[in-house]
C-alpha atoms as a PDB file:
ATOM      1  CA  UNK A   1     235.478  38.161 229.618  1.00  0.00           C
ATOM      2  CA  UNK A   2     239.049  37.164 228.771  1.00  0.00           C
ATOM      3  CA  UNK A   3     240.113  38.114 232.016  1.00  0.00           C
ATOM      4  CA  UNK A   4     237.924  35.289 233.772  1.00  0.00           C
ATOM      5  CA  UNK A   5     238.851  32.468 231.672  1.00  0.00           C
ATOM      6  CA  UNK A   6     241.327  29.929 233.745  1.00  0.00           C
ATOM      7  CA  UNK A   7     240.538  26.462 231.640  1.00  0.00           C
ATOM      8  CA  UNK A   8     240.584  25.918 228.063  1.00  0.00           C
ATOM      9  CA  UNK A   9     240.016  22.760 226.089  1.00  0.00           C
ATOM     10  CA  UNK A  10     239.874  22.387 222.607  1.00  0.00           C
ATOM     11  CA  UNK A  11     239.922  19.492 219.960  1.00  0.00           C
ATOM     12  CA  UNK A  12     240.631  20.347 216.759  1.00  0.00           C
ATOM     13  CA  UNK A  13     241.946  18.237 214.055  1.00  0.00           C
ATOM     14  CA  UNK A  14     242.206  20.928 211.352  1.00  0.00           C
ATOM     15  CA  UNK A  15     243.817  23.892 213.104  1.00  0.00           C
ATOM     16  CA  UNK A  16     247.476  25.895 212.083  1.00  0.00           C
ATOM     17  CA  UNK A  17     249.563  26.325 214.753  1.00  0.00           C
ATOM     18  CA  UNK A  18     248.944  30.048 214.004  1.00  0.00           C
ATOM     19  CA  UNK A  19     245.626  29.912 215.980  1.00  0.00           C
ATOM     20  CA  UNK A  20     247.399  28.911 219.068  1.00  0.00           C
ATOM     21  CA  UNK A  21     248.938  32.434 219.185  1.00  0.00           C
ATOM     22  CA  UNK A  22     245.747  33.502 220.114  1.00  0.00           C
ATOM     23  CA  UNK A  23     245.768  32.066 223.447  1.00  0.00           C
ATOM     24  CA  UNK A  24     248.405  34.167 224.660  1.00  0.00           C
ATOM     25  CA  UNK A  25     245.682  36.997 224.534  1.00  0.00           C
ATOM     26  CA  UNK A  26     244.208  35.319 227.523  1.00  0.00           C
ATOM     27  CA  UNK A  27     246.324  36.224 230.456  1.00  0.00           C
ATOM     28  CA  UNK A  28     244.003  34.125 233.297  1.00  0.00           C
ATOM     29  CA  UNK A  29     244.577  30.699 231.712  1.00  0.00           C
ATOM     30  CA  UNK A  30     245.804  28.397 233.873  1.00  0.00           C
ATOM     31  CA  UNK A  31     244.985  25.134 232.683  1.00  0.00           C
ATOM     32  CA  UNK A  32     245.013  24.330 228.771  1.00  0.00           C
ATOM     33  CA  UNK A  33     244.133  21.189 226.805  1.00  0.00           C
ATOM     34  CA  UNK A  34     244.653  20.939 223.459  1.00  0.00           C
ATOM     35  CA  UNK A  35     243.897  17.521 221.512  1.00  0.00           C
ATOM     36  CA  UNK A  36     244.302  15.974 218.250  1.00  0.00           C
ATOM     37  CA  UNK A  37     245.964  18.690 215.728  1.00  0.00           C
ATOM     38  CA  UNK A  38     247.384  17.275 212.794  1.00  0.00           C
ATOM     39  CA  UNK A  39     249.452  20.089 211.515  1.00  0.00           C
ATOM     40  CA  UNK A  40     251.080  21.782 214.752  1.00  0.00           C
ATOM     41  CA  UNK A  41     254.827  21.566 214.964  1.00  0.00           C
ATOM     42  CA  UNK A  42     255.091  24.338 217.865  1.00  0.00           C
ATOM     43  CA  UNK A  43     253.427  25.488 220.840  1.00  0.00           C
ATOM     44  CA  UNK A  44     255.913  28.022 221.778  1.00  0.00           C
ATOM     45  CA  UNK A  45     253.567  30.802 221.941  1.00  0.00           C
ATOM     46  CA  UNK A  46     252.206  29.410 224.734  1.00  0.00           C
ATOM     47  CA  UNK A  47     254.802  30.765 226.595  1.00  0.00           C
ATOM     48  CA  UNK A  48     253.027  33.928 226.878  1.00  0.00           C
ATOM     49  CA  UNK A  49     250.587  32.191 229.294  1.00  0.00           C
ATOM     50  CA  UNK A  50     252.452  33.364 232.455  1.00  0.00           C
ATOM     51  CA  UNK A  51     249.694  32.127 234.863  1.00  0.00           C
ATOM     52  CA  UNK A  52     249.363  28.649 233.277  1.00  0.00           C
ATOM     53  CA  UNK A  53     250.030  25.854 235.603  1.00  0.00           C
ATOM     54  CA  UNK A  54     249.008  22.786 233.561  1.00  0.00           C
ATOM     55  CA  UNK A  55     249.276  22.043 229.945  1.00  0.00           C
ATOM     56  CA  UNK A  56     248.093  18.798 228.170  1.00  0.00           C
ATOM     57  CA  UNK A  57     249.022  18.088 224.644  1.00  0.00           C
ATOM     58  CA  UNK A  58     247.015  14.874 223.460  1.00  0.00           C
ATOM     59  CA  UNK A  59     247.447  13.262 220.187  1.00  0.00           C
ATOM     60  CA  UNK A  60     250.409  15.614 218.855  1.00  0.00           C
ATOM     61  CA  UNK A  61     252.142  14.232 216.536  1.00  0.00           C
ATOM     62  CA  UNK A  62     254.617  16.856 214.584  1.00  0.00           C
ATOM     63  CA  UNK A  63     255.785  18.931 217.443  1.00  0.00           C
ATOM     64  CA  UNK A  64     259.368  18.846 217.862  1.00  0.00           C
ATOM     65  CA  UNK A  65     261.496  19.709 220.858  1.00  0.00           C
ATOM     66  CA  UNK A  66     262.420  23.098 219.570  1.00  0.00           C
ATOM     67  CA  UNK A  67     258.487  23.597 219.112  1.00  0.00           C
ATOM     68  CA  UNK A  68     258.024  23.158 222.854  1.00  0.00           C
ATOM     69  CA  UNK A  69     261.121  25.852 223.736  1.00  0.00           C
ATOM     70  CA  UNK A  70     259.971  28.646 225.807  1.00  0.00           C
ATOM     71  CA  UNK A  71     257.747  26.783 228.307  1.00  0.00           C
ATOM     72  CA  UNK A  72     260.291  26.616 230.779  1.00  0.00           C
ATOM     73  CA  UNK A  73     260.174  30.445 230.825  1.00  0.00           C
ATOM     74  CA  UNK A  74     256.368  29.982 232.199  1.00  0.00           C
ATOM     75  CA  UNK A  75     256.872  30.812 236.036  1.00  0.00           C
ATOM     76  CA  UNK A  76     253.964  28.832 237.531  1.00  0.00           C
ATOM     77  CA  UNK A  77     253.843  25.621 234.935  1.00  0.00           C
ATOM     78  CA  UNK A  78     253.782  22.835 237.399  1.00  0.00           C
ATOM     79  CA  UNK A  79     252.861  20.026 234.951  1.00  0.00           C
ATOM     80  CA  UNK A  80     252.927  19.279 230.807  1.00  0.00           C
ATOM     81  CA  UNK A  81     251.087  16.179 229.920  1.00  0.00           C
ATOM     82  CA  UNK A  82     252.080  14.817 226.473  1.00  0.00           C
ATOM     83  CA  UNK A  83     249.316  12.315 226.487  1.00  0.00           C
ATOM     84  CA  UNK A  84     249.460   9.908 223.366  1.00  0.00           C
ATOM     85  CA  UNK A  85     251.666  12.433 221.760  1.00  0.00           C
ATOM     86  CA  UNK A  86     254.658  11.529 219.424  1.00  0.00           C
ATOM     87  CA  UNK A  87     257.247  14.073 219.967  1.00  0.00           C
ATOM     88  CA  UNK A  88     260.057  14.506 217.428  1.00  0.00           C
ATOM     89  CA  UNK A  89     263.245  15.226 218.663  1.00  0.00           C
ATOM     90  CA  UNK A  90     265.871  17.262 216.465  1.00  0.00           C
ATOM     91  CA  UNK A  91     268.935  17.145 218.814  1.00  0.00           C
ATOM     92  CA  UNK A  92     271.158  14.388 219.345  1.00  0.00           C
ATOM     93  CA  UNK A  93     272.424  12.423 222.067  1.00  0.00           C
ATOM     94  CA  UNK A  94     276.326  12.012 222.373  1.00  0.00           C
END
């Protein structure tokens, strides 16, 4: 079953960031769409999805730049869409 899932779309306002760790157990994922989480601060666990080509994060408001670190290591990742997202930066510009 897990080997055949290529696209996953989930809308959930009340979920913890720990739940995203389960997605790394689905190695066949190529496209992930996550919408409207209220309490998620990191999606770094998605870096384990090595076949992922597209990631869309809709309505994220608490993810920081540190929370997306590791996504650059996904070899097939071609697109990240932060639709209606409000990312918070923890770095400073000089």
